[in-house]
Amino acid sequence: VSPFMDRDKVTKPSSQTGFIRFVLLPLFIELANLFPNLEHHIIDPVHKALNYYTEMEKALEKEKLNRTGNLLNEKIVKSSDKQKGNQRNAEPTVNSISNKPRAFQPSHKVEKK
């Protein structure tokens, strides 16, 4: 898989911050050196975009960490529930030892009309 095409590693904010840092900002800084009157018109928007995508990238990382933390917690809970279930199933009961089928016994009486 190409470096910028990996779905698991590349996000829009990360690719935008890389593009802005390594392509746009150096280019616009040189343009500002050529045209000093335009400096704040061409560099400020690039800095704003860089800050925006940097914050977006941080938020995605935080969300990703929260999601993996939640998944780990769910796995821990499920595995502990499974262990408890195995312990319950491991204990012999009268019904598990008996080979006789259990008769159906309703938990409440049904009234005839």
C-alpha atoms as a PDB file:
ATOM      1  CA  VAL A   1       0.000   0.000   0.000  1.00  0.00           C
ATOM      2  CA  SER A   2       1.301   3.449  -0.895  1.00  0.00           C
ATOM      3  CA  PRO A   3       2.265   5.630   2.070  1.00  0.00           C
ATOM      4  CA  PHE A   4      -0.557   8.141   1.597  1.00  0.00           C
ATOM      5  CA  MET A   5      -3.177   5.520   0.723  1.00  0.00           C
ATOM      6  CA  ASP A   6      -3.142   3.496   3.945  1.00  0.00           C
ATOM      7  CA  ARG A   7      -6.607   3.863   5.517  1.00  0.00           C
ATOM      8  CA  ASP A   8      -5.389   2.844   8.941  1.00  0.00           C
ATOM      9  CA  LYS A   9      -2.579   5.389   9.196  1.00  0.00           C
ATOM     10  CA  VAL A  10      -3.489   8.395   7.028  1.00  0.00           C
ATOM     11  CA  THR A  11      -6.270  10.821   7.860  1.00  0.00           C
ATOM     12  CA  LYS A  12      -7.331  13.995   6.122  1.00  0.00           C
ATOM     13  CA  PRO A  13      -5.964  16.245   8.907  1.00  0.00           C
ATOM     14  CA  SER A  14      -2.598  14.481   8.952  1.00  0.00           C
ATOM     15  CA  SER A  15      -2.205  14.680   5.191  1.00  0.00           C
ATOM     16  CA  GLN A  16      -3.299  18.345   5.172  1.00  0.00           C
ATOM     17  CA  THR A  17      -0.849  19.336   7.910  1.00  0.00           C
ATOM     18  CA  GLY A  18       1.971  17.574   6.072  1.00  0.00           C
ATOM     19  CA  PHE A  19       1.064  19.247   2.777  1.00  0.00           C
ATOM     20  CA  ILE A  20       0.799  22.673   4.389  1.00  0.00           C
ATOM     21  CA  ARG A  21       4.084  22.324   6.303  1.00  0.00           C
ATOM     22  CA  PHE A  22       6.192  20.936   3.488  1.00  0.00           C
ATOM     23  CA  VAL A  23       4.631  22.435   0.359  1.00  0.00           C
ATOM     24  CA  LEU A  24       2.390  25.450   0.963  1.00  0.00           C
ATOM     25  CA  LEU A  25       4.198  27.234   3.776  1.00  0.00           C
ATOM     26  CA  PRO A  26       7.678  27.202   2.154  1.00  0.00           C
ATOM     27  CA  LEU A  27       6.152  28.233  -1.177  1.00  0.00           C
ATOM     28  CA  PHE A  28       4.133  31.076   0.317  1.00  0.00           C
ATOM     29  CA  ILE A  29       7.055  32.282   2.424  1.00  0.00           C
ATOM     30  CA  GLU A  30       9.114  32.634  -0.762  1.00  0.00           C
ATOM     31  CA  LEU A  31       6.208  34.414  -2.462  1.00  0.00           C
ATOM     32  CA  ALA A  32       6.034  36.786   0.511  1.00  0.00           C
ATOM     33  CA  ASN A  33       9.760  37.477   0.080  1.00  0.00           C
ATOM     34  CA  LEU A  34       9.103  38.394  -3.547  1.00  0.00           C
ATOM     35  CA  PHE A  35       5.979  40.429  -2.744  1.00  0.00           C
ATOM     36  CA  PRO A  36       6.356  41.834   0.793  1.00  0.00           C
ATOM     37  CA  ASN A  37       3.101  43.805   0.572  1.00  0.00           C
ATOM     38  CA  LEU A  38       1.145  40.527   0.271  1.00  0.00           C
ATOM     39  CA  GLU A  39       2.835  38.749   3.164  1.00  0.00           C
ATOM     40  CA  HIS A  40       0.002  38.905   5.650  1.00  0.00           C
ATOM     41  CA  HIS A  41      -2.593  38.164   2.917  1.00  0.00           C
ATOM     42  CA  ILE A  42      -0.956  34.927   1.817  1.00  0.00           C
ATOM     43  CA  ILE A  43       0.780  33.610   4.940  1.00  0.00           C
ATOM     44  CA  ASP A  44      -1.912  34.255   7.578  1.00  0.00           C
ATOM     45  CA  PRO A  45      -4.541  32.047   5.867  1.00  0.00           C
ATOM     46  CA  VAL A  46      -1.977  29.249   5.533  1.00  0.00           C
ATOM     47  CA  HIS A  47      -1.141  29.495   9.250  1.00  0.00           C
ATOM     48  CA  LYS A  48      -4.869  29.465  10.106  1.00  0.00           C
ATOM     49  CA  ALA A  49      -5.383  26.354   7.988  1.00  0.00           C
ATOM     50  CA  LEU A  50      -2.357  24.700   9.582  1.00  0.00           C
ATOM     51  CA  ASN A  51      -3.667  25.460  13.081  1.00  0.00           C
ATOM     52  CA  TYR A  52      -7.145  24.201  12.141  1.00  0.00           C
ATOM     53  CA  TYR A  53      -5.901  20.872  10.781  1.00  0.00           C
ATOM     54  CA  THR A  54      -3.430  20.465  13.649  1.00  0.00           C
ATOM     55  CA  GLU A  55      -6.276  20.817  16.167  1.00  0.00           C
ATOM     56  CA  MET A  56      -8.402  18.447  14.102  1.00  0.00           C
ATOM     57  CA  GLU A  57      -5.563  15.916  14.052  1.00  0.00           C
ATOM     58  CA  LYS A  58      -5.185  16.133  17.844  1.00  0.00           C
ATOM     59  CA  ALA A  59      -8.943  15.636  18.304  1.00  0.00           C
ATOM     60  CA  LEU A  60      -8.889  12.549  16.073  1.00  0.00           C
ATOM     61  CA  GLU A  61      -5.953  11.094  18.000  1.00  0.00           C
ATOM     62  CA  LYS A  62      -7.749  11.711  21.284  1.00  0.00           C
ATOM     63  CA  GLU A  63     -10.912  10.071  19.924  1.00  0.00           C
ATOM     64  CA  LYS A  64      -8.886   7.120  18.669  1.00  0.00           C
ATOM     65  CA  LEU A  65      -7.264   6.656  22.092  1.00  0.00           C
ATOM     66  CA  ASN A  66     -10.672   6.840  23.787  1.00  0.00           C
ATOM     67  CA  ARG A  67     -12.094   4.307  21.348  1.00  0.00           C
ATOM     68  CA  THR A  68      -9.233   1.835  21.846  1.00  0.00           C
ATOM     69  CA  GLY A  69      -9.466   2.347  25.608  1.00  0.00           C
ATOM     70  CA  ASN A  70     -13.199   1.586  25.505  1.00  0.00           C
ATOM     71  CA  LEU A  71     -12.598  -1.492  23.377  1.00  0.00           C
ATOM     72  CA  LEU A  72      -9.990  -2.744  25.852  1.00  0.00           C
ATOM     73  CA  ASN A  73     -12.402  -2.174  28.744  1.00  0.00           C
ATOM     74  CA  GLU A  74     -15.144  -4.073  26.885  1.00  0.00           C
ATOM     75  CA  LYS A  75     -12.778  -6.983  26.242  1.00  0.00           C
ATOM     76  CA  ILE A  76     -11.762  -7.060  29.902  1.00  0.00           C
ATOM     77  CA  VAL A  77     -15.398  -7.046  31.031  1.00  0.00           C
ATOM     78  CA  LYS A  78     -16.358  -9.735  28.506  1.00  0.00           C
ATOM     79  CA  SER A  79     -13.442 -11.959  29.477  1.00  0.00           C
ATOM     80  CA  SER A  80     -14.231 -11.602  33.193  1.00  0.00           C
ATOM     81  CA  ASP A  81     -17.928 -12.357  32.468  1.00  0.00           C
ATOM     82  CA  LYS A  82     -16.883 -15.383  30.443  1.00  0.00           C
ATOM     83  CA  GLN A  83     -14.668 -16.598  33.291  1.00  0.00           C
ATOM     84  CA  LYS A  84     -17.547 -16.170  35.739  1.00  0.00           C
ATOM     85  CA  GLY A  85     -19.808 -18.082  33.348  1.00  0.00           C
ATOM     86  CA  ASN A  86     -17.260 -20.892  33.075  1.00  0.00           C
ATOM     87  CA  GLN A  87     -17.045 -21.066  36.856  1.00  0.00           C
ATOM     88  CA  ARG A  88     -20.840 -21.295  37.097  1.00  0.00           C
ATOM     89  CA  ASN A  89     -20.955 -23.985  34.442  1.00  0.00           C
ATOM     90  CA  ALA A  90     -18.152 -25.928  36.087  1.00  0.00           C
ATOM     91  CA  GLU A  91     -20.072 -26.379  39.343  1.00  0.00           C
ATOM     92  CA  PRO A  92     -22.235 -29.521  39.236  1.00  0.00           C
ATOM     93  CA  THR A  93     -25.913 -29.019  39.925  1.00  0.00           C
ATOM     94  CA  VAL A  94     -28.726 -31.465  40.493  1.00  0.00           C
ATOM     95  CA  ASN A  95     -30.140 -30.725  37.053  1.00  0.00           C
ATOM     96  CA  SER A  96     -26.794 -31.185  35.315  1.00  0.00           C
ATOM     97  CA  ILE A  97     -26.207 -34.537  37.010  1.00  0.00           C
ATOM     98  CA  SER A  98     -29.678 -35.949  36.480  1.00  0.00           C
ATOM     99  CA  ASN A  99     -30.398 -37.603  33.147  1.00  0.00           C
ATOM    100  CA  LYS A 100     -34.141 -37.165  33.565  1.00  0.00           C
ATOM    101  CA  PRO A 101     -35.792 -34.484  31.433  1.00  0.00           C
ATOM    102  CA  ARG A 102     -37.312 -31.724  33.476  1.00  0.00           C
ATOM    103  CA  ALA A 103     -41.045 -31.278  33.250  1.00  0.00           C
ATOM    104  CA  PHE A 104     -42.385 -27.887  32.274  1.00  0.00           C
ATOM    105  CA  GLN A 105     -43.691 -26.011  35.288  1.00  0.00           C
ATOM    106  CA  PRO A 106     -45.222 -22.598  34.647  1.00  0.00           C
ATOM    107  CA  SER A 107     -44.180 -19.926  37.103  1.00  0.00           C
ATOM    108  CA  HIS A 108     -47.741 -18.612  37.443  1.00  0.00           C
ATOM    109  CA  LYS A 109     -51.184 -20.148  37.358  1.00  0.00           C
ATOM    110  CA  VAL A 110     -53.263 -19.644  34.225  1.00  0.00           C
ATOM    111  CA  GLU A 111     -56.905 -18.895  34.904  1.00  0.00           C
ATOM    112  CA  LYS A 112     -59.540 -20.484  32.669  1.00  0.00           C
ATOM    113  CA  LYS A 113     -62.272 -18.241  31.359  1.00  0.00           C
END
